[in-house]
């Protein structure tokens, strides 16, 4: 009986990217880099074979000075596709109205085991009917357009990426890399994904449940007029204090009741929840950049005990502090 090695039986999984004029280059290049170099450890070979296509092929302009060489989408009309990825960019708003493009894209999607979007590529998935009745995410700037234009799509503004059955959607720009790494982990195992993440010097810990917003950005956007900007900085500078509502109200020269009402109305959360978020953000910095123990970090950030900090991390980041540190600690932290 003839013996065959694992490598001789191995067939890389076909990933087909679909682009169009005015894509965001990083929406393509980030996930493409992940899939192009992810290794199947058992076969000791590339786990994926990648192709970049456009409707009619040829050179396609991006939102940078670098154009992309593409094959026609029709090249893969009769070939098996493991993962189909539509990338994002301002051009999505044009292509989502192009009936001929959507028809040909839908034909490819029907052949694919997995269909994905990066950033505003979700608008094209929605226009093709692929997101009907599904949870989906896109770049936060495009969430309103997705929700308003496609009421059958259950749009979520916060997650980095969402998997709904065989359909994956991701938030903006680098979130496409997070999604690609999660797909590699699902296909080839967590070890392969971690190796790829280390090679790209990017963390592996950003799960789909993690927010695409930084806490600072959320506060700045919500408090556009800067009414509580100085208060937020004072909180960050005094985390070891109790920081009860009375102390916060005193900083704003307001009565506790008036302050609590005004803050909750403006920011959409209670002062206590805001303090917890700022403490958690500070703890994240310590976990990423120092070797301080969890107990020490909890004390520095005003949590007082490790369990209280752990509960805050799970509530806000969907991951305990120890796992967060494993995924995000910088190599030169000391």
Protein backbone atom coordinates (compact mmCIF):
# COMPACT_ATOMS: atom_id res chain seq x y z
CA UNK A 1 0.00 0.00 0.00
CA UNK A 2 1.34 3.39 -0.95
CA UNK A 3 1.99 5.72 1.96
CA UNK A 4 1.27 9.42 1.70
CA UNK A 5 2.47 12.15 4.03
CA UNK A 6 0.08 14.63 5.63
CA UNK A 7 1.56 17.26 3.32
CA UNK A 8 0.70 15.31 0.15
CA UNK A 9 -2.97 15.17 1.19
CA UNK A 10 -3.14 18.78 2.32
CA UNK A 11 -5.07 21.33 0.29
CA UNK A 12 -4.78 24.96 1.39
CA UNK A 13 -8.12 26.64 2.04
CA UNK A 14 -9.05 29.05 -0.73
CA UNK A 15 -9.59 32.62 0.43
CA UNK A 16 -10.98 35.04 -2.15
CA UNK A 17 -10.88 38.79 -1.46
CA UNK A 18 -13.20 41.05 -3.41
CA UNK A 19 -12.17 44.67 -3.95
CA UNK A 20 -13.49 47.66 -5.91
CA UNK A 21 -12.36 51.24 -6.55
CA UNK A 22 -11.60 53.37 -3.47
CA UNK A 23 -11.12 50.57 -0.94
CA UNK A 24 -9.21 51.16 2.28
CA UNK A 25 -5.87 49.53 1.57
CA UNK A 26 -5.38 48.25 5.12
CA UNK A 27 -8.82 46.58 5.02
CA UNK A 28 -7.30 44.33 2.37
CA UNK A 29 -3.62 44.13 3.31
CA UNK A 30 -4.17 43.35 7.01
CA UNK A 31 -6.35 40.23 6.63
CA UNK A 32 -4.46 39.26 3.46
CA UNK A 33 -1.21 39.21 5.44
CA UNK A 34 -2.79 37.02 8.12
CA UNK A 35 -4.20 34.44 5.70
CA UNK A 36 -1.16 34.46 3.38
CA UNK A 37 1.27 33.43 6.10
CA UNK A 38 -0.82 31.39 8.55
CA UNK A 39 0.68 27.92 8.73
CA UNK A 40 -1.07 24.59 9.14
CA UNK A 41 1.16 22.94 11.74
CA UNK A 42 0.16 19.35 10.89
CA UNK A 43 0.87 19.73 7.18
CA UNK A 44 3.76 22.14 7.76
CA UNK A 45 2.44 24.26 4.89
CA UNK A 46 0.52 27.46 4.28
CA UNK A 47 -3.01 27.04 5.57
CA UNK A 48 -4.58 29.21 2.90
CA UNK A 49 -4.29 30.07 -0.77
CA UNK A 50 -5.26 33.70 -1.36
CA UNK A 51 -6.61 35.54 -4.37
CA UNK A 52 -7.61 39.17 -4.86
CA UNK A 53 -10.47 39.77 -7.28
CA UNK A 54 -12.61 42.62 -8.57
CA UNK A 55 -15.70 42.64 -10.74
CA UNK A 56 -13.86 42.68 -14.07
CA UNK A 57 -10.24 42.27 -12.97
CA UNK A 58 -7.26 44.50 -13.71
CA UNK A 59 -5.76 47.28 -11.64
CA UNK A 60 -8.02 48.76 -8.97
CA UNK A 61 -7.38 52.09 -7.26
CA UNK A 62 -7.32 52.24 -3.46
CA UNK A 63 -7.61 55.18 -1.09
CA UNK A 64 -3.81 55.48 -1.25
CA UNK A 65 -1.31 55.93 -4.11
CA UNK A 66 -0.97 52.12 -4.31
CA UNK A 67 -3.27 50.34 -6.81
CA UNK A 68 -4.08 46.62 -6.56
CA UNK A 69 -3.73 44.00 -9.30
CA UNK A 70 -6.80 41.76 -9.38
CA UNK A 71 -8.31 38.78 -11.13
CA UNK A 72 -11.91 38.88 -12.42
CA UNK A 73 -14.47 37.55 -9.96
CA UNK A 74 -15.61 35.17 -12.72
CA UNK A 75 -12.33 33.26 -12.33
CA UNK A 76 -13.78 31.69 -9.18
CA UNK A 77 -17.36 31.26 -10.41
CA UNK A 78 -16.88 27.48 -10.76
CA UNK A 79 -14.25 26.90 -8.08
CA UNK A 80 -14.75 25.95 -4.42
CA UNK A 81 -14.25 28.89 -2.06
CA UNK A 82 -13.54 28.36 1.59
CA UNK A 83 -13.65 32.01 2.74
CA UNK A 84 -14.94 35.00 0.77
CA UNK A 85 -13.97 38.45 2.07
CA UNK A 86 -15.43 41.75 0.87
CA UNK A 87 -13.25 44.65 2.01
CA UNK A 88 -14.31 48.15 3.01
CA UNK A 89 -13.87 51.65 1.73
CA UNK A 90 -15.85 54.66 0.56
CA UNK A 91 -16.40 52.84 -2.71
CA UNK A 92 -18.76 50.48 -0.88
CA UNK A 93 -21.47 53.14 -1.06
CA UNK A 94 -21.28 52.97 -4.87
CA UNK A 95 -20.93 49.20 -5.20
CA UNK A 96 -23.87 48.49 -2.88
CA UNK A 97 -26.08 50.02 -5.60
CA UNK A 98 -24.46 48.19 -8.53
CA UNK A 99 -26.93 45.42 -9.43
CA UNK A 100 -24.56 43.56 -11.77
CA UNK A 101 -21.78 43.54 -9.19
CA UNK A 102 -24.14 42.35 -6.44
CA UNK A 103 -25.44 39.53 -8.63
CA UNK A 104 -21.95 38.25 -9.37
CA UNK A 105 -20.86 38.70 -5.76
CA UNK A 106 -23.88 36.74 -4.55
CA UNK A 107 -22.95 33.91 -6.89
CA UNK A 108 -19.52 33.70 -5.26
CA UNK A 109 -21.03 33.94 -1.78
CA UNK A 110 -23.28 31.02 -2.59
CA UNK A 111 -20.20 28.88 -3.26
CA UNK A 112 -18.31 29.95 -0.15
CA UNK A 113 -18.23 28.05 3.13
CA UNK A 114 -17.66 31.34 4.97
CA UNK A 115 -18.51 34.91 3.96
CA UNK A 116 -16.85 37.89 5.64
CA UNK A 117 -16.74 41.67 5.51
CA UNK A 118 -14.19 44.18 6.72
CA UNK A 119 -15.35 47.64 7.76
CA UNK A 120 -17.93 49.16 5.35
CA UNK A 121 -17.86 45.98 3.28
CA UNK A 122 -20.82 45.04 5.50
CA UNK A 123 -22.93 47.45 3.43
CA UNK A 124 -22.32 45.27 0.38
CA UNK A 125 -23.19 42.10 2.31
CA UNK A 126 -26.39 43.79 3.42
CA UNK A 127 -27.25 44.99 -0.09
CA UNK A 128 -26.74 41.43 -1.32
CA UNK A 129 -29.23 40.18 1.29
CA UNK A 130 -26.61 38.13 3.10
CA UNK A 131 -27.08 39.93 6.43
CA UNK A 132 -30.87 39.74 6.58
CA UNK A 133 -31.88 38.62 10.08
CA UNK A 134 -28.25 38.46 11.20
CA UNK A 135 -26.19 40.33 13.78
CA UNK A 136 -23.57 42.50 12.11
CA UNK A 137 -21.01 45.19 12.82
CA UNK A 138 -19.12 47.68 10.71
CA UNK A 139 -16.93 50.72 11.33
CA UNK A 140 -18.69 52.94 13.86
CA UNK A 141 -18.93 55.74 11.29
CA UNK A 142 -20.94 53.46 8.97
CA UNK A 143 -23.24 51.85 11.56
CA UNK A 144 -26.03 54.39 11.05
CA UNK A 145 -25.98 53.92 7.28
CA UNK A 146 -26.13 50.14 7.75
CA UNK A 147 -28.98 50.32 10.26
CA UNK A 148 -30.99 52.95 8.37
CA UNK A 149 -30.54 51.38 4.96
CA UNK A 150 -31.11 47.77 5.99
CA UNK A 151 -33.65 47.44 8.80
CA UNK A 152 -33.58 43.63 8.59
CA UNK A 153 -29.96 43.65 9.80
CA UNK A 154 -29.38 43.57 13.57
CA UNK A 155 -26.62 46.18 13.71
CA UNK A 156 -24.37 46.29 16.77
CA UNK A 157 -22.11 49.30 17.06
CA UNK A 158 -19.64 48.09 19.67
CA UNK A 159 -17.97 44.71 18.87
CA UNK A 160 -14.65 44.24 17.11
CA UNK A 161 -16.19 41.48 14.99
CA UNK A 162 -19.28 39.29 14.97
CA UNK A 163 -19.71 35.69 13.85
CA UNK A 164 -23.29 34.72 12.95
CA UNK A 165 -23.26 31.15 11.64
CA UNK A 166 -20.98 31.19 8.56
CA UNK A 167 -21.13 35.00 8.15
CA UNK A 168 -18.51 37.17 9.82
CA UNK A 169 -18.47 40.98 9.93
CA UNK A 170 -15.79 43.20 11.44
CA UNK A 171 -15.41 46.80 12.53
CA UNK A 172 -13.00 49.28 11.01
CA UNK A 173 -9.47 48.93 9.67
CA UNK A 174 -7.35 46.78 12.02
CA UNK A 175 -10.44 44.92 13.28
CA UNK A 176 -10.21 42.98 10.01
CA UNK A 177 -6.94 41.52 11.27
CA UNK A 178 -8.57 40.54 14.57
CA UNK A 179 -11.31 38.77 12.64
CA UNK A 180 -8.78 37.03 10.39
CA UNK A 181 -6.80 35.80 13.40
CA UNK A 182 -10.01 34.46 14.97
CA UNK A 183 -10.79 32.62 11.73
CA UNK A 184 -7.30 31.12 11.67
CA UNK A 185 -7.83 29.95 15.26
CA UNK A 186 -11.11 28.33 14.24
CA UNK A 187 -9.64 26.68 11.13
CA UNK A 188 -6.10 25.78 12.13
CA UNK A 189 -6.10 26.03 15.92
CA UNK A 190 -5.14 28.66 18.46
CA UNK A 191 -1.43 27.82 18.22
CA UNK A 192 -1.34 28.74 14.53
CA UNK A 193 -3.18 32.00 15.24
CA UNK A 194 -0.84 32.89 18.10
CA UNK A 195 2.21 32.27 15.93
CA UNK A 196 0.77 34.55 13.27
CA UNK A 197 -0.12 37.22 15.83
CA UNK A 198 3.40 37.16 17.28
CA UNK A 199 4.89 37.40 13.80
CA UNK A 200 2.80 40.50 13.11
CA UNK A 201 3.51 41.95 16.58
CA UNK A 202 -0.20 42.23 17.27
CA UNK A 203 -2.18 40.95 20.27
CA UNK A 204 -4.28 37.81 20.00
CA UNK A 205 -6.58 38.71 22.89
CA UNK A 206 -9.02 41.03 21.13
CA UNK A 207 -12.14 38.90 21.11
CA UNK A 208 -15.28 39.60 19.14
CA UNK A 209 -16.93 40.84 22.31
CA UNK A 210 -14.34 43.53 22.84
CA UNK A 211 -15.28 47.11 22.03
CA UNK A 212 -14.00 48.88 18.91
CA UNK A 213 -13.96 52.09 20.96
CA UNK A 214 -11.32 53.16 23.45
CA UNK A 215 -12.89 54.36 26.71
CA UNK A 216 -11.25 57.76 26.24
CA UNK A 217 -12.74 58.12 22.76
CA UNK A 218 -16.19 57.19 24.04
CA UNK A 219 -16.01 59.86 26.71
CA UNK A 220 -14.73 62.49 24.28
CA UNK A 221 -17.46 61.78 21.73
CA UNK A 222 -20.22 61.68 24.34
CA UNK A 223 -18.98 64.84 26.06
CA UNK A 224 -18.28 66.79 22.87
CA UNK A 225 -18.59 70.15 24.64
CA UNK A 226 -15.99 69.10 27.23
CA UNK A 227 -18.22 69.76 30.23
CA UNK A 228 -16.73 66.91 32.24
CA UNK A 229 -13.29 66.75 30.62
CA UNK A 230 -11.44 68.22 33.61
CA UNK A 231 -13.36 65.93 35.97
CA UNK A 232 -12.35 62.83 33.99
CA UNK A 233 -8.71 63.91 34.13
CA UNK A 234 -8.98 64.53 37.88
CA UNK A 235 -10.44 61.04 38.38
CA UNK A 236 -7.58 59.51 36.37
CA UNK A 237 -5.06 61.41 38.50
CA UNK A 238 -6.65 60.36 41.80
CA UNK A 239 -7.64 56.72 41.36
CA UNK A 240 -6.48 55.72 44.83
CA UNK A 241 -9.12 57.97 46.42
CA UNK A 242 -12.60 56.59 47.23
CA UNK A 243 -14.12 58.76 44.43
CA UNK A 244 -17.67 58.68 45.72
CA UNK A 245 -20.26 60.89 44.06
CA UNK A 246 -19.86 63.54 46.79
CA UNK A 247 -16.18 64.00 45.91
CA UNK A 248 -16.94 64.19 42.19
CA UNK A 249 -19.76 66.70 42.76
CA UNK A 250 -17.42 68.85 44.84
CA UNK A 251 -14.97 69.00 41.93
CA UNK A 252 -17.80 70.28 39.72
CA UNK A 253 -19.08 72.74 42.35
CA UNK A 254 -22.47 71.02 42.28
CA UNK A 255 -24.64 69.27 44.82
CA UNK A 256 -24.35 65.46 44.65
CA UNK A 257 -27.94 65.05 43.45
CA UNK A 258 -27.66 67.70 40.73
CA UNK A 259 -24.29 66.38 39.62
CA UNK A 260 -25.45 62.76 39.43
CA UNK A 261 -28.48 63.74 37.37
CA UNK A 262 -26.50 66.01 35.02
CA UNK A 263 -23.69 63.52 34.55
CA UNK A 264 -25.97 60.56 33.81
CA UNK A 265 -28.01 62.64 31.38
CA UNK A 266 -24.94 63.84 29.45
CA UNK A 267 -22.76 60.74 29.55
CA UNK A 268 -25.37 57.98 29.48
CA UNK A 269 -23.88 56.18 32.49
CA UNK A 270 -23.79 56.81 36.22
CA UNK A 271 -20.76 58.49 37.84
CA UNK A 272 -19.93 55.20 39.58
CA UNK A 273 -19.83 53.32 36.27
CA UNK A 274 -17.64 56.06 34.79
CA UNK A 275 -15.16 55.76 37.65
CA UNK A 276 -15.10 51.98 37.20
CA UNK A 277 -14.36 52.41 33.47
CA UNK A 278 -11.52 54.87 34.13
CA UNK A 279 -10.05 52.55 36.79
CA UNK A 280 -10.25 49.64 34.33
CA UNK A 281 -8.57 51.67 31.60
CA UNK A 282 -5.70 52.52 33.96
CA UNK A 283 -5.39 48.87 35.02
CA UNK A 284 -5.17 47.86 31.35
CA UNK A 285 -2.17 50.18 30.96
CA UNK A 286 -0.43 48.62 33.96
CA UNK A 287 -1.12 45.09 32.69
CA UNK A 288 0.27 45.94 29.26
CA UNK A 289 3.39 47.82 30.32
CA UNK A 290 4.53 46.55 33.74
CA UNK A 291 5.21 43.38 35.69
CA UNK A 292 3.20 44.63 38.67
CA UNK A 293 1.12 41.91 40.32
CA UNK A 294 -2.65 41.89 39.95
CA UNK A 295 -3.08 42.76 43.63
CA UNK A 296 -0.74 45.75 43.33
CA UNK A 297 -2.50 47.02 40.20
CA UNK A 298 -5.89 46.67 41.87
CA UNK A 299 -4.65 48.83 44.75
CA UNK A 300 -3.04 51.44 42.46
CA UNK A 301 -6.25 51.81 40.48
CA UNK A 302 -8.51 52.04 43.48
CA UNK A 303 -10.23 48.67 43.13
CA UNK A 304 -8.96 47.73 46.60
CA UNK A 305 -9.07 44.00 45.92
CA UNK A 306 -8.37 41.64 43.01
CA UNK A 307 -11.90 40.23 42.84
CA UNK A 308 -13.47 43.63 42.35
CA UNK A 309 -11.03 44.34 39.53
CA UNK A 310 -11.68 40.93 37.96
CA UNK A 311 -15.42 41.55 37.94
CA UNK A 312 -14.93 44.95 36.32
CA UNK A 313 -12.73 43.47 33.57
CA UNK A 314 -15.22 40.72 32.77
CA UNK A 315 -18.10 43.18 32.78
CA UNK A 316 -16.39 45.76 30.55
CA UNK A 317 -13.91 43.71 28.46
CA UNK A 318 -15.29 40.16 28.60
CA UNK A 319 -11.91 38.89 29.77
CA UNK A 320 -10.27 38.55 33.22
CA UNK A 321 -7.10 40.57 33.98
CA UNK A 322 -4.75 37.58 33.76
CA UNK A 323 -5.96 36.67 30.27
CA UNK A 324 -5.84 40.31 29.20
CA UNK A 325 -2.19 40.55 30.26
CA UNK A 326 -1.33 37.35 28.38
CA UNK A 327 -2.67 38.77 25.15
CA UNK A 328 -1.58 42.40 25.42
CA UNK A 329 1.56 42.72 27.54
CA UNK A 330 4.34 44.40 25.58
CA UNK A 331 7.52 42.28 25.22
CA UNK A 332 9.74 44.90 26.84
CA UNK A 333 7.47 45.59 29.83
CA UNK A 334 9.37 45.69 33.10
